[in-house]
C-alpha cells in the first residue's frame, strides 16, 4: 500500500490503474439503500481502518469501500504478532483488536479524499468501554461520521475484542440498534445502518437477527465476519496452537458464510438486503454468494491472495450472468 500510494503521486498513474482494473457497465450498477453502486464488489472493513488509501483503492475497480472498524478514541489493538497467513488454506488469522487512530483521524482522512466512491463507516466500541456503556461509543461514532460516509455498519461480531460478541444477543443488540435508529431518524436525510454478524451463530440466533432487522427497520445485514472455528484446516494443529486465538478468514470461511446468507435470505423471504463476505477468492465464489441471496459482496483475504485483478475478474463474470 505504501508503494501504491507513492506511485499514485506520479501524473497519469491513477488513470492507468483505472484503465487496468475498472469495469464500467450499466449492467453492473446495483441500486440499494437509496445508493447507486457502480458495481457490486466492495472492499470489506479492516483493510483501510483509518481511511488512508481511499483514493488509491478507488482506482482498483471497487464499487464501494468500507473503512474502519473505528472507535471513538485511538487504540493500539492487541499485541503483535497478531496477523498470520495460513498459506496452505489460503486463509488469515487475525486478532488485531480494533487497532485504529480514532474517529477524528478517520474524519480528517475522509475530508481529504478526492474520489467520490461510496464509503461505508464500520463502527465499534473501545476495548475499555464496558458493554453496558457500549451504545455511547457507537453513538459517538455515528454522530461524528454522519456527514462523511454513505452508510453505517454496526460491528458487534469481531472475536478480538473481549466480550464484544455478547452484544449480538437479542436484548442488548435490539437496544443498541433502536438507539442508533432513533438518532438516525432525527436527521433530515437518514442513512442506511447495517449490522455485521458472526458466522458462528446458531439457527435460533439467526432467527433472532431476522426479527431484530424487521423490528428495528435497519437497512440490512453484512454476513459474515471472521470465524473462531478451526475445523477442516490443512494447516497442522501444532502451528494453529502456536498462533493461538483470532478470527479466521479466507477460503475455509466460504461455505459457512454462504450458508448464513442463504439461511437469512430464506428465513426472511429476502425482505432485507445482505452484503455477502467471507471466502471469496474467485469469480465463482462471488456468484455463489449472490445466488444464495446477497445483493452486494465484499472481499478482503481474497484480495491478499489473488491481488486486485480479482475485482475485475468478478465483475466480468457477473456481466456474463446479466
Foldseek 3Di string as FASTA:
>chain_A
DVVLVVQVVPPCPLVVLLVVAADADPVQWFQAQNDIFRHQEEADEPPAQQLPQVQSVVSLHHSEYEYHQAWAAADQFDDPPAWDAPPQQLKIFGLRGRHDHHLVSSVVSLVPDDDPHAYEYEYFYHLPDDLVCGLVGRVSNCVSCVVRHQEYEYEQAFPNRPPSVVCLDQPNVLVSLLVVLVVQVVDPHRHAYEYEHALPDDLVSLLSVLVSCVVSVGQYYEFYDFYQDDPPDPPDPVVDVVSDGGGMFAQVFLVSSLVSLLSNCVSNVLPHAYEGEGHPQALVSVVSSVVSRHSHYYYDSSCVVPNSNRSRRNRVVVVVVD
